[in-house]
N, C-alpha and C. Protein backbone atom coordinates (compact mmCIF):
# COMPACT_ATOMS: atom_id res chain seq x y z
N MET A 1 -0.13 13.77 -3.84
CA MET A 1 0.83 13.43 -4.87
C MET A 1 0.70 14.32 -6.08
N SER A 2 0.15 15.50 -5.85
CA SER A 2 -0.17 16.39 -6.97
C SER A 2 1.12 16.99 -7.61
N THR A 3 2.23 17.08 -6.88
CA THR A 3 3.45 17.68 -7.48
C THR A 3 4.27 16.67 -8.27
N LEU A 4 3.86 15.40 -8.23
CA LEU A 4 4.59 14.36 -8.89
C LEU A 4 4.15 14.22 -10.38
N SER A 5 5.05 13.88 -11.23
CA SER A 5 4.72 13.64 -12.62
C SER A 5 3.82 12.41 -12.69
N PRO A 6 3.02 12.25 -13.74
CA PRO A 6 2.18 11.06 -13.83
C PRO A 6 2.94 9.76 -13.79
N LEU A 7 4.18 9.74 -14.36
CA LEU A 7 4.98 8.55 -14.33
C LEU A 7 5.37 8.15 -12.88
N VAL A 8 5.88 9.17 -12.16
CA VAL A 8 6.26 8.90 -10.77
C VAL A 8 5.06 8.65 -9.92
N ARG A 9 3.97 9.35 -10.10
CA ARG A 9 2.79 9.11 -9.31
C ARG A 9 2.26 7.68 -9.47
N SER A 10 2.31 7.17 -10.71
CA SER A 10 1.87 5.81 -10.93
C SER A 10 2.78 4.78 -10.26
N PHE A 11 4.08 5.03 -10.34
CA PHE A 11 5.05 4.10 -9.68
C PHE A 11 4.86 4.11 -8.18
N VAL A 12 4.73 5.31 -7.60
CA VAL A 12 4.58 5.45 -6.16
C VAL A 12 3.28 4.75 -5.70
N ALA A 13 2.21 4.98 -6.44
CA ALA A 13 0.88 4.38 -6.07
C ALA A 13 0.98 2.88 -6.15
N HIS A 14 1.63 2.38 -7.19
CA HIS A 14 1.74 0.94 -7.34
C HIS A 14 2.58 0.32 -6.19
N PHE A 15 3.66 0.92 -5.83
CA PHE A 15 4.46 0.42 -4.74
C PHE A 15 3.73 0.43 -3.44
N GLY A 16 2.88 1.42 -3.27
CA GLY A 16 2.00 1.43 -2.04
C GLY A 16 1.11 0.26 -2.03
N GLU A 17 0.46 -0.06 -3.17
CA GLU A 17 -0.46 -1.17 -3.18
C GLU A 17 0.29 -2.51 -3.04
N MET A 18 1.45 -2.61 -3.63
CA MET A 18 2.25 -3.84 -3.52
C MET A 18 2.79 -4.01 -2.10
N GLY A 19 3.03 -2.95 -1.40
CA GLY A 19 3.59 -3.01 -0.07
C GLY A 19 2.85 -3.97 0.84
N SER A 20 1.52 -3.92 0.78
CA SER A 20 0.74 -4.77 1.67
C SER A 20 0.89 -6.21 1.29
N ARG A 21 1.17 -6.53 0.07
CA ARG A 21 1.42 -7.89 -0.34
C ARG A 21 2.78 -8.38 0.04
N TRP A 22 3.67 -7.44 0.27
CA TRP A 22 5.03 -7.81 0.67
C TRP A 22 5.24 -7.72 2.20
N GLY A 23 4.23 -7.40 2.90
CA GLY A 23 4.33 -7.35 4.34
C GLY A 23 4.69 -5.98 4.96
N ILE A 24 4.59 -4.91 4.14
CA ILE A 24 4.80 -3.58 4.68
C ILE A 24 3.52 -2.77 4.39
N ASN A 25 3.35 -1.70 5.11
CA ASN A 25 2.14 -0.94 4.88
C ASN A 25 2.26 -0.03 3.64
N ARG A 26 1.13 0.43 3.17
CA ARG A 26 1.06 1.21 1.92
C ARG A 26 1.94 2.46 2.03
N THR A 27 1.87 3.15 3.15
CA THR A 27 2.61 4.40 3.31
C THR A 27 4.11 4.15 3.17
N VAL A 28 4.62 3.08 3.79
CA VAL A 28 6.05 2.81 3.75
C VAL A 28 6.45 2.45 2.30
N GLY A 29 5.60 1.74 1.60
CA GLY A 29 5.90 1.43 0.18
C GLY A 29 5.94 2.67 -0.66
N GLN A 30 5.03 3.61 -0.44
CA GLN A 30 5.06 4.82 -1.23
C GLN A 30 6.27 5.71 -0.88
N ILE A 31 6.62 5.81 0.39
CA ILE A 31 7.78 6.59 0.77
C ILE A 31 9.01 6.01 0.08
N TYR A 32 9.16 4.68 0.14
CA TYR A 32 10.33 4.08 -0.45
C TYR A 32 10.40 4.37 -1.98
N ALA A 33 9.27 4.19 -2.65
CA ALA A 33 9.19 4.40 -4.08
C ALA A 33 9.60 5.81 -4.44
N LEU A 34 9.13 6.78 -3.68
CA LEU A 34 9.47 8.17 -3.96
C LEU A 34 10.95 8.41 -3.79
N ILE A 35 11.51 7.89 -2.69
CA ILE A 35 12.95 8.07 -2.47
C ILE A 35 13.78 7.34 -3.52
N PHE A 36 13.34 6.19 -3.92
CA PHE A 36 14.02 5.40 -4.96
C PHE A 36 14.15 6.13 -6.27
N VAL A 37 13.08 6.74 -6.71
CA VAL A 37 13.09 7.42 -8.02
C VAL A 37 13.56 8.88 -7.99
N SER A 38 13.76 9.43 -6.82
CA SER A 38 14.19 10.77 -6.67
C SER A 38 15.62 10.95 -7.14
N VAL A 39 15.87 12.03 -7.88
CA VAL A 39 17.23 12.33 -8.39
C VAL A 39 18.09 12.94 -7.32
N ARG A 40 17.50 13.36 -6.21
CA ARG A 40 18.26 13.95 -5.12
C ARG A 40 17.75 13.41 -3.81
N PRO A 41 18.59 13.42 -2.76
CA PRO A 41 18.12 12.99 -1.45
C PRO A 41 16.92 13.84 -1.00
N LEU A 42 16.02 13.25 -0.25
CA LEU A 42 14.81 13.90 0.21
C LEU A 42 14.79 13.99 1.72
N ASN A 43 14.29 15.09 2.26
CA ASN A 43 14.08 15.18 3.72
C ASN A 43 12.59 14.81 4.01
N ALA A 44 12.32 14.63 5.28
CA ALA A 44 10.97 14.21 5.67
C ALA A 44 9.90 15.20 5.25
N ASP A 45 10.22 16.48 5.35
CA ASP A 45 9.24 17.51 4.89
C ASP A 45 8.97 17.43 3.42
N ASP A 46 9.99 17.22 2.62
CA ASP A 46 9.80 17.02 1.14
C ASP A 46 8.86 15.85 0.88
N ILE A 47 9.11 14.75 1.57
CA ILE A 47 8.33 13.52 1.34
C ILE A 47 6.91 13.74 1.81
N ALA A 48 6.71 14.36 2.97
CA ALA A 48 5.34 14.60 3.45
C ALA A 48 4.57 15.49 2.50
N GLU A 49 5.25 16.51 1.98
CA GLU A 49 4.56 17.44 1.04
C GLU A 49 4.23 16.74 -0.27
N GLN A 50 5.16 16.03 -0.84
CA GLN A 50 4.95 15.41 -2.13
C GLN A 50 3.94 14.30 -2.10
N LEU A 51 3.86 13.56 -0.99
CA LEU A 51 2.90 12.46 -0.86
C LEU A 51 1.61 12.84 -0.11
N ALA A 52 1.58 14.05 0.43
CA ALA A 52 0.41 14.53 1.20
C ALA A 52 0.21 13.61 2.44
N PHE A 53 1.29 13.24 3.10
CA PHE A 53 1.24 12.38 4.33
C PHE A 53 1.59 13.32 5.50
N SER A 54 1.16 12.90 6.67
CA SER A 54 1.53 13.61 7.89
C SER A 54 2.99 13.40 8.14
N ARG A 55 3.58 14.37 8.78
CA ARG A 55 5.05 14.32 9.09
C ARG A 55 5.36 13.11 9.98
N SER A 56 4.39 12.79 10.93
CA SER A 56 4.63 11.64 11.81
C SER A 56 4.61 10.34 11.07
N ASN A 57 3.67 10.19 10.07
CA ASN A 57 3.67 8.97 9.25
C ASN A 57 4.95 8.86 8.46
N VAL A 58 5.46 9.94 7.94
CA VAL A 58 6.69 9.89 7.19
C VAL A 58 7.87 9.45 8.12
N SER A 59 7.88 10.04 9.33
CA SER A 59 8.98 9.70 10.24
C SER A 59 8.95 8.22 10.59
N MET A 60 7.78 7.67 10.86
CA MET A 60 7.68 6.27 11.16
C MET A 60 8.03 5.42 9.98
N GLY A 61 7.62 5.81 8.78
CA GLY A 61 7.98 5.10 7.59
C GLY A 61 9.50 5.10 7.29
N LEU A 62 10.12 6.22 7.56
CA LEU A 62 11.56 6.31 7.33
C LEU A 62 12.31 5.43 8.36
N LYS A 63 11.83 5.37 9.56
CA LYS A 63 12.47 4.47 10.56
C LYS A 63 12.37 3.01 10.12
N GLU A 64 11.20 2.64 9.61
CA GLU A 64 10.99 1.29 9.08
C GLU A 64 11.94 0.99 7.94
N LEU A 65 12.05 1.91 6.98
CA LEU A 65 12.94 1.73 5.86
C LEU A 65 14.39 1.67 6.26
N GLN A 66 14.79 2.44 7.27
CA GLN A 66 16.13 2.35 7.77
C GLN A 66 16.40 1.00 8.46
N SER A 67 15.42 0.49 9.17
CA SER A 67 15.62 -0.80 9.83
C SER A 67 15.75 -1.92 8.83
N TRP A 68 15.20 -1.76 7.64
CA TRP A 68 15.34 -2.72 6.54
C TRP A 68 16.61 -2.41 5.73
N ARG A 69 17.31 -1.34 6.07
CA ARG A 69 18.53 -0.92 5.34
C ARG A 69 18.22 -0.60 3.87
N LEU A 70 17.02 -0.08 3.61
CA LEU A 70 16.61 0.26 2.25
C LEU A 70 16.84 1.73 1.92
N VAL A 71 17.04 2.55 2.97
CA VAL A 71 17.35 3.94 2.77
C VAL A 71 18.51 4.29 3.70
N THR A 72 19.28 5.27 3.30
CA THR A 72 20.39 5.72 4.13
C THR A 72 20.18 7.22 4.44
N LEU A 73 20.64 7.57 5.57
CA LEU A 73 20.58 8.91 6.09
C LEU A 73 21.82 9.72 5.60
N ARG A 74 21.57 10.94 5.16
CA ARG A 74 22.64 11.82 4.75
C ARG A 74 22.43 13.17 5.34
N HIS A 75 23.50 13.90 5.56
CA HIS A 75 23.43 15.29 5.91
C HIS A 75 24.07 16.10 4.83
N LEU A 76 23.44 17.16 4.44
CA LEU A 76 23.96 18.05 3.41
C LEU A 76 24.65 19.22 4.07
N PRO A 77 25.74 19.65 3.50
CA PRO A 77 26.51 20.79 4.08
C PRO A 77 25.60 22.02 4.24
N GLY A 78 25.65 22.63 5.43
CA GLY A 78 24.91 23.84 5.67
C GLY A 78 23.43 23.62 5.97
N ASP A 79 22.98 22.38 6.08
CA ASP A 79 21.55 22.07 6.31
C ASP A 79 21.47 21.09 7.51
N ARG A 80 20.73 21.43 8.50
CA ARG A 80 20.65 20.57 9.70
C ARG A 80 19.62 19.42 9.51
N ARG A 81 18.83 19.50 8.48
CA ARG A 81 17.83 18.42 8.28
C ARG A 81 18.48 17.10 7.84
N GLU A 82 17.76 16.02 8.10
CA GLU A 82 18.23 14.70 7.65
C GLU A 82 17.62 14.42 6.28
N TYR A 83 18.45 13.94 5.42
CA TYR A 83 18.03 13.59 4.03
C TYR A 83 18.15 12.09 3.86
N PHE A 84 17.34 11.57 2.96
CA PHE A 84 17.33 10.10 2.76
C PHE A 84 17.49 9.82 1.28
N GLU A 85 18.21 8.72 1.02
CA GLU A 85 18.36 8.23 -0.34
C GLU A 85 18.34 6.73 -0.33
N ALA A 86 17.98 6.18 -1.44
CA ALA A 86 17.92 4.72 -1.59
C ALA A 86 18.98 4.27 -2.58
N PRO A 87 19.51 3.05 -2.37
CA PRO A 87 20.39 2.53 -3.44
C PRO A 87 19.66 2.50 -4.79
N THR A 88 20.35 2.75 -5.84
CA THR A 88 19.71 2.74 -7.15
C THR A 88 19.99 1.45 -7.89
N ASP A 89 20.89 0.63 -7.40
CA ASP A 89 21.27 -0.65 -7.99
C ASP A 89 20.27 -1.71 -7.58
N ALA A 90 19.48 -2.21 -8.52
CA ALA A 90 18.47 -3.23 -8.21
C ALA A 90 19.07 -4.50 -7.59
N TRP A 91 20.24 -4.88 -7.98
CA TRP A 91 20.90 -6.08 -7.43
C TRP A 91 21.17 -5.84 -5.95
N GLU A 92 21.68 -4.62 -5.63
CA GLU A 92 22.03 -4.32 -4.25
C GLU A 92 20.76 -4.33 -3.40
N ILE A 93 19.67 -3.78 -3.92
CA ILE A 93 18.42 -3.78 -3.19
C ILE A 93 17.92 -5.21 -2.99
N PHE A 94 17.97 -6.05 -4.01
CA PHE A 94 17.54 -7.43 -3.86
C PHE A 94 18.34 -8.15 -2.82
N ARG A 95 19.65 -7.97 -2.82
CA ARG A 95 20.51 -8.65 -1.82
C ARG A 95 20.19 -8.16 -0.41
N THR A 96 19.95 -6.86 -0.23
CA THR A 96 19.62 -6.32 1.06
C THR A 96 18.29 -6.91 1.54
N LEU A 97 17.29 -6.91 0.67
CA LEU A 97 16.01 -7.46 1.06
C LEU A 97 16.11 -8.94 1.40
N ALA A 98 16.86 -9.73 0.65
CA ALA A 98 17.03 -11.11 0.93
C ALA A 98 17.73 -11.33 2.25
N GLU A 99 18.75 -10.57 2.52
CA GLU A 99 19.48 -10.67 3.83
C GLU A 99 18.54 -10.33 4.97
N GLU A 100 17.79 -9.27 4.86
CA GLU A 100 16.87 -8.87 5.90
C GLU A 100 15.75 -9.91 6.15
N ARG A 101 15.22 -10.44 5.08
CA ARG A 101 14.21 -11.47 5.20
C ARG A 101 14.78 -12.69 5.92
N ARG A 102 15.98 -13.02 5.57
CA ARG A 102 16.63 -14.16 6.21
C ARG A 102 16.79 -13.90 7.69
N ARG A 103 17.34 -12.73 8.04
CA ARG A 103 17.58 -12.41 9.43
C ARG A 103 16.28 -12.35 10.26
N ARG A 104 15.24 -11.84 9.65
CA ARG A 104 13.95 -11.65 10.36
C ARG A 104 13.06 -12.87 10.37
N GLU A 105 13.14 -13.71 9.33
CA GLU A 105 12.16 -14.80 9.16
C GLU A 105 12.82 -16.17 9.23
N ILE A 106 13.89 -16.37 8.47
CA ILE A 106 14.48 -17.71 8.35
C ILE A 106 15.25 -18.12 9.59
N GLU A 107 16.14 -17.20 10.06
CA GLU A 107 16.99 -17.56 11.24
C GLU A 107 16.20 -17.88 12.49
N PRO A 108 15.12 -17.12 12.81
CA PRO A 108 14.31 -17.53 13.99
C PRO A 108 13.67 -18.88 13.82
N THR A 109 13.23 -19.17 12.58
CA THR A 109 12.61 -20.49 12.33
C THR A 109 13.61 -21.61 12.50
N LEU A 110 14.83 -21.37 11.95
CA LEU A 110 15.89 -22.39 12.14
C LEU A 110 16.18 -22.63 13.60
N SER A 111 16.26 -21.53 14.37
CA SER A 111 16.54 -21.68 15.77
C SER A 111 15.42 -22.49 16.48
N MET A 112 14.21 -22.20 16.18
CA MET A 112 13.09 -22.94 16.76
C MET A 112 13.16 -24.43 16.39
N LEU A 113 13.43 -24.68 15.10
CA LEU A 113 13.51 -26.08 14.63
C LEU A 113 14.67 -26.83 15.30
N ARG A 114 15.82 -26.18 15.42
CA ARG A 114 16.95 -26.81 16.09
C ARG A 114 16.60 -27.20 17.51
N ALA A 115 15.96 -26.29 18.20
CA ALA A 115 15.58 -26.60 19.58
C ALA A 115 14.57 -27.77 19.63
N ALA A 116 13.62 -27.75 18.71
CA ALA A 116 12.59 -28.81 18.67
C ALA A 116 13.23 -30.17 18.38
N LEU A 117 14.24 -30.18 17.56
CA LEU A 117 14.90 -31.42 17.17
C LEU A 117 15.77 -31.99 18.29
N LEU A 118 16.13 -31.17 19.28
CA LEU A 118 16.90 -31.64 20.41
C LEU A 118 16.01 -32.27 21.51
N GLU A 119 14.71 -32.03 21.41
CA GLU A 119 13.77 -32.58 22.36
C GLU A 119 13.64 -34.11 22.16
N THR A 120 13.32 -34.82 23.21
CA THR A 120 13.03 -36.21 23.15
C THR A 120 11.51 -36.39 22.98
N PRO A 121 11.08 -36.97 21.87
CA PRO A 121 9.62 -37.07 21.67
C PRO A 121 8.97 -37.91 22.81
N ALA A 122 7.88 -37.36 23.32
CA ALA A 122 7.18 -38.05 24.42
C ALA A 122 6.13 -39.07 23.91
N THR A 123 5.68 -38.87 22.69
CA THR A 123 4.65 -39.74 22.14
C THR A 123 4.96 -40.09 20.68
N GLU A 124 4.23 -41.03 20.13
CA GLU A 124 4.43 -41.40 18.71
C GLU A 124 4.06 -40.18 17.85
N GLU A 125 3.08 -39.43 18.25
CA GLU A 125 2.71 -38.24 17.48
C GLU A 125 3.79 -37.20 17.48
N ASP A 126 4.45 -37.05 18.66
CA ASP A 126 5.56 -36.14 18.70
C ASP A 126 6.75 -36.61 17.86
N ARG A 127 6.97 -37.90 17.80
CA ARG A 127 8.06 -38.47 16.98
C ARG A 127 7.76 -38.16 15.51
N ILE A 128 6.54 -38.36 15.09
CA ILE A 128 6.16 -38.06 13.68
C ILE A 128 6.30 -36.55 13.43
N ALA A 129 5.81 -35.74 14.35
CA ALA A 129 5.92 -34.29 14.17
C ALA A 129 7.38 -33.88 14.09
N GLN A 130 8.23 -34.47 14.93
CA GLN A 130 9.64 -34.10 14.91
C GLN A 130 10.29 -34.54 13.62
N GLU A 131 9.91 -35.70 13.04
CA GLU A 131 10.47 -36.11 11.76
C GLU A 131 10.10 -35.13 10.66
N ARG A 132 8.87 -34.66 10.69
CA ARG A 132 8.43 -33.65 9.71
C ARG A 132 9.24 -32.35 9.92
N MET A 133 9.45 -31.97 11.15
CA MET A 133 10.25 -30.79 11.46
C MET A 133 11.71 -30.98 10.93
N ARG A 134 12.23 -32.22 11.08
CA ARG A 134 13.57 -32.51 10.58
C ARG A 134 13.67 -32.27 9.06
N GLY A 135 12.64 -32.74 8.36
CA GLY A 135 12.62 -32.48 6.93
C GLY A 135 12.59 -31.03 6.58
N MET A 136 11.79 -30.24 7.32
CA MET A 136 11.69 -28.82 7.12
C MET A 136 13.06 -28.20 7.44
N HIS A 137 13.68 -28.59 8.53
CA HIS A 137 14.97 -28.08 8.95
C HIS A 137 16.03 -28.33 7.86
N GLU A 138 16.07 -29.57 7.35
CA GLU A 138 17.04 -29.90 6.31
C GLU A 138 16.85 -29.07 5.06
N LEU A 139 15.59 -28.86 4.65
CA LEU A 139 15.32 -28.05 3.46
C LEU A 139 15.73 -26.58 3.69
N ILE A 140 15.38 -26.02 4.83
CA ILE A 140 15.76 -24.64 5.10
C ILE A 140 17.26 -24.48 5.19
N GLU A 141 17.92 -25.42 5.82
CA GLU A 141 19.40 -25.39 5.90
C GLU A 141 20.01 -25.46 4.49
N LEU A 142 19.49 -26.33 3.68
CA LEU A 142 20.00 -26.44 2.28
C LEU A 142 19.76 -25.11 1.53
N MET A 143 18.59 -24.54 1.68
CA MET A 143 18.31 -23.24 1.02
C MET A 143 19.19 -22.14 1.58
N THR A 144 19.47 -22.15 2.86
CA THR A 144 20.34 -21.16 3.52
C THR A 144 21.75 -21.29 2.94
N THR A 145 22.25 -22.50 2.81
CA THR A 145 23.59 -22.69 2.26
C THR A 145 23.65 -22.22 0.79
N TRP A 146 22.59 -22.56 0.03
CA TRP A 146 22.49 -22.11 -1.36
C TRP A 146 22.49 -20.59 -1.42
N PHE A 147 21.69 -19.97 -0.51
CA PHE A 147 21.58 -18.52 -0.48
C PHE A 147 22.97 -17.89 -0.16
N ASP A 148 23.72 -18.47 0.77
CA ASP A 148 25.04 -17.96 1.07
C ASP A 148 25.94 -17.99 -0.15
N ASP A 149 25.85 -19.13 -0.88
CA ASP A 149 26.66 -19.26 -2.12
C ASP A 149 26.25 -18.21 -3.16
N VAL A 150 24.98 -18.00 -3.30
CA VAL A 150 24.46 -17.01 -4.27
C VAL A 150 24.89 -15.60 -3.85
N GLN A 151 24.81 -15.31 -2.56
CA GLN A 151 25.18 -13.97 -2.06
C GLN A 151 26.64 -13.64 -2.37
N ARG A 152 27.49 -14.68 -2.42
CA ARG A 152 28.94 -14.46 -2.64
C ARG A 152 29.23 -14.26 -4.15
N MET A 153 28.29 -14.60 -5.02
CA MET A 153 28.52 -14.48 -6.44
C MET A 153 28.57 -13.00 -6.85
N ASP A 154 29.43 -12.69 -7.84
CA ASP A 154 29.40 -11.32 -8.34
C ASP A 154 28.16 -11.18 -9.25
N ARG A 155 27.80 -9.94 -9.51
CA ARG A 155 26.54 -9.65 -10.20
C ARG A 155 26.51 -10.32 -11.58
N GLN A 156 27.57 -10.27 -12.28
CA GLN A 156 27.61 -10.85 -13.65
C GLN A 156 27.36 -12.38 -13.60
N THR A 157 28.01 -13.05 -12.72
CA THR A 157 27.84 -14.52 -12.57
C THR A 157 26.41 -14.81 -12.19
N LEU A 158 25.88 -14.12 -11.20
CA LEU A 158 24.51 -14.35 -10.74
C LEU A 158 23.52 -14.09 -11.88
N SER A 159 23.75 -13.05 -12.62
CA SER A 159 22.88 -12.72 -13.77
C SER A 159 22.91 -13.84 -14.78
N GLN A 160 24.10 -14.34 -15.10
CA GLN A 160 24.22 -15.42 -16.06
C GLN A 160 23.50 -16.68 -15.55
N LEU A 161 23.65 -16.99 -14.30
CA LEU A 161 22.98 -18.14 -13.69
C LEU A 161 21.45 -17.99 -13.81
N MET A 162 20.94 -16.82 -13.49
CA MET A 162 19.51 -16.58 -13.55
C MET A 162 18.99 -16.72 -15.00
N LYS A 163 19.76 -16.21 -15.93
CA LYS A 163 19.35 -16.28 -17.34
C LYS A 163 19.34 -17.68 -17.87
N MET A 164 20.13 -18.59 -17.22
CA MET A 164 20.15 -19.96 -17.68
C MET A 164 18.85 -20.69 -17.42
N GLY A 165 18.16 -20.31 -16.33
CA GLY A 165 16.90 -20.92 -16.02
C GLY A 165 16.90 -22.42 -16.04
N SER A 166 16.01 -23.00 -16.82
CA SER A 166 15.85 -24.45 -16.92
C SER A 166 17.02 -25.11 -17.59
N LYS A 167 17.91 -24.36 -18.25
CA LYS A 167 19.06 -24.94 -18.87
C LYS A 167 19.93 -25.62 -17.81
N VAL A 168 19.93 -25.13 -16.59
CA VAL A 168 20.67 -25.78 -15.51
C VAL A 168 20.19 -27.20 -15.30
N GLN A 169 18.85 -27.35 -15.30
CA GLN A 169 18.25 -28.69 -15.13
C GLN A 169 18.72 -29.58 -16.27
N ARG A 170 18.64 -29.05 -17.53
CA ARG A 170 19.02 -29.88 -18.67
C ARG A 170 20.50 -30.27 -18.55
N LEU A 171 21.35 -29.37 -18.11
CA LEU A 171 22.75 -29.68 -17.94
C LEU A 171 22.97 -30.84 -16.91
N LEU A 172 22.22 -30.71 -15.81
CA LEU A 172 22.31 -31.73 -14.77
C LEU A 172 21.76 -33.08 -15.30
N GLU A 173 20.69 -33.00 -16.07
CA GLU A 173 20.13 -34.25 -16.63
C GLU A 173 21.12 -34.87 -17.61
N PHE A 174 21.81 -34.02 -18.40
CA PHE A 174 22.81 -34.48 -19.33
C PHE A 174 23.95 -35.19 -18.64
N THR A 175 24.36 -34.65 -17.48
CA THR A 175 25.47 -35.27 -16.76
C THR A 175 25.00 -36.36 -15.84
N GLY A 176 23.70 -36.65 -15.82
CA GLY A 176 23.16 -37.76 -15.03
C GLY A 176 23.02 -37.41 -13.55
N LYS A 177 23.04 -36.14 -13.19
CA LYS A 177 22.97 -35.74 -11.79
C LYS A 177 21.56 -35.48 -11.30
N VAL A 178 20.58 -35.48 -12.21
CA VAL A 178 19.21 -35.19 -11.83
C VAL A 178 18.29 -36.31 -12.22
N LYS A 179 17.41 -36.70 -11.35
CA LYS A 179 16.41 -37.68 -11.66
C LYS A 179 15.09 -36.97 -11.89
N LEU A 180 14.43 -37.28 -12.96
CA LEU A 180 13.14 -36.63 -13.25
C LEU A 180 12.07 -37.15 -12.31
N VAL A 181 11.20 -36.25 -11.86
CA VAL A 181 10.10 -36.61 -11.04
C VAL A 181 8.98 -37.18 -11.92
N ALA A 182 8.35 -38.27 -11.45
CA ALA A 182 7.22 -38.87 -12.21
C ALA A 182 6.23 -37.75 -12.53
N GLY A 183 5.78 -37.75 -13.76
CA GLY A 183 4.78 -36.76 -14.18
C GLY A 183 5.43 -35.52 -14.82
N SER A 184 6.77 -35.38 -14.77
CA SER A 184 7.39 -34.21 -15.37
C SER A 184 7.63 -34.45 -16.82
N LYS A 185 8.31 -33.52 -17.49
CA LYS A 185 8.46 -33.59 -18.94
C LYS A 185 9.21 -34.83 -19.46
N GLY A 186 9.96 -35.51 -18.59
CA GLY A 186 10.69 -36.67 -19.04
C GLY A 186 9.87 -37.94 -19.08
N LYS A 187 8.64 -37.89 -18.58
CA LYS A 187 7.81 -39.05 -18.50
C LYS A 187 7.24 -39.42 -19.92
N ALA A 188 7.25 -40.68 -20.24
CA ALA A 188 6.71 -41.11 -21.54
C ALA A 188 5.24 -40.89 -21.56
N GLY A 189 4.72 -40.41 -22.67
CA GLY A 189 3.33 -40.05 -22.76
C GLY A 189 2.63 -40.93 -23.61
């Protein structure tokens, strides 16, 4: 990373460290960070040189990022190499990540739960387990419906909603649509 400015080097290193916490490897995180902050599309050789990674590691990382739809492939006129760029709009990146997480993690879980709920419990323990699964299924379905609604919102509306934070709860409390949970701020002390 010697050719990178200290600012970019710090960002790339941090993304690499965070990658493992987000379920991707350090190399993929660093490749993404470099592409994200680059003012021009980068080819695999550029990336390998700037990050001091092997060309094969860069190729595997780029394939992973393409499968997540976090980078797009471009061809530049007169150049046979493949170039990569990342969306620069943070909202677009967030939506893409959320959609991919849903497709990879939530939908398979919902499918498994739906199948489990169609089974006839053989024992009392199975009946109890199935009831717990039903509760999990209902929560995930509710969250999925909410996610679909949020995904359809335009950026300005979504931003306003997020900025409202706990004001939404106060609005619902005001209209009588929310019941406070025992022990929360509405409890007499």
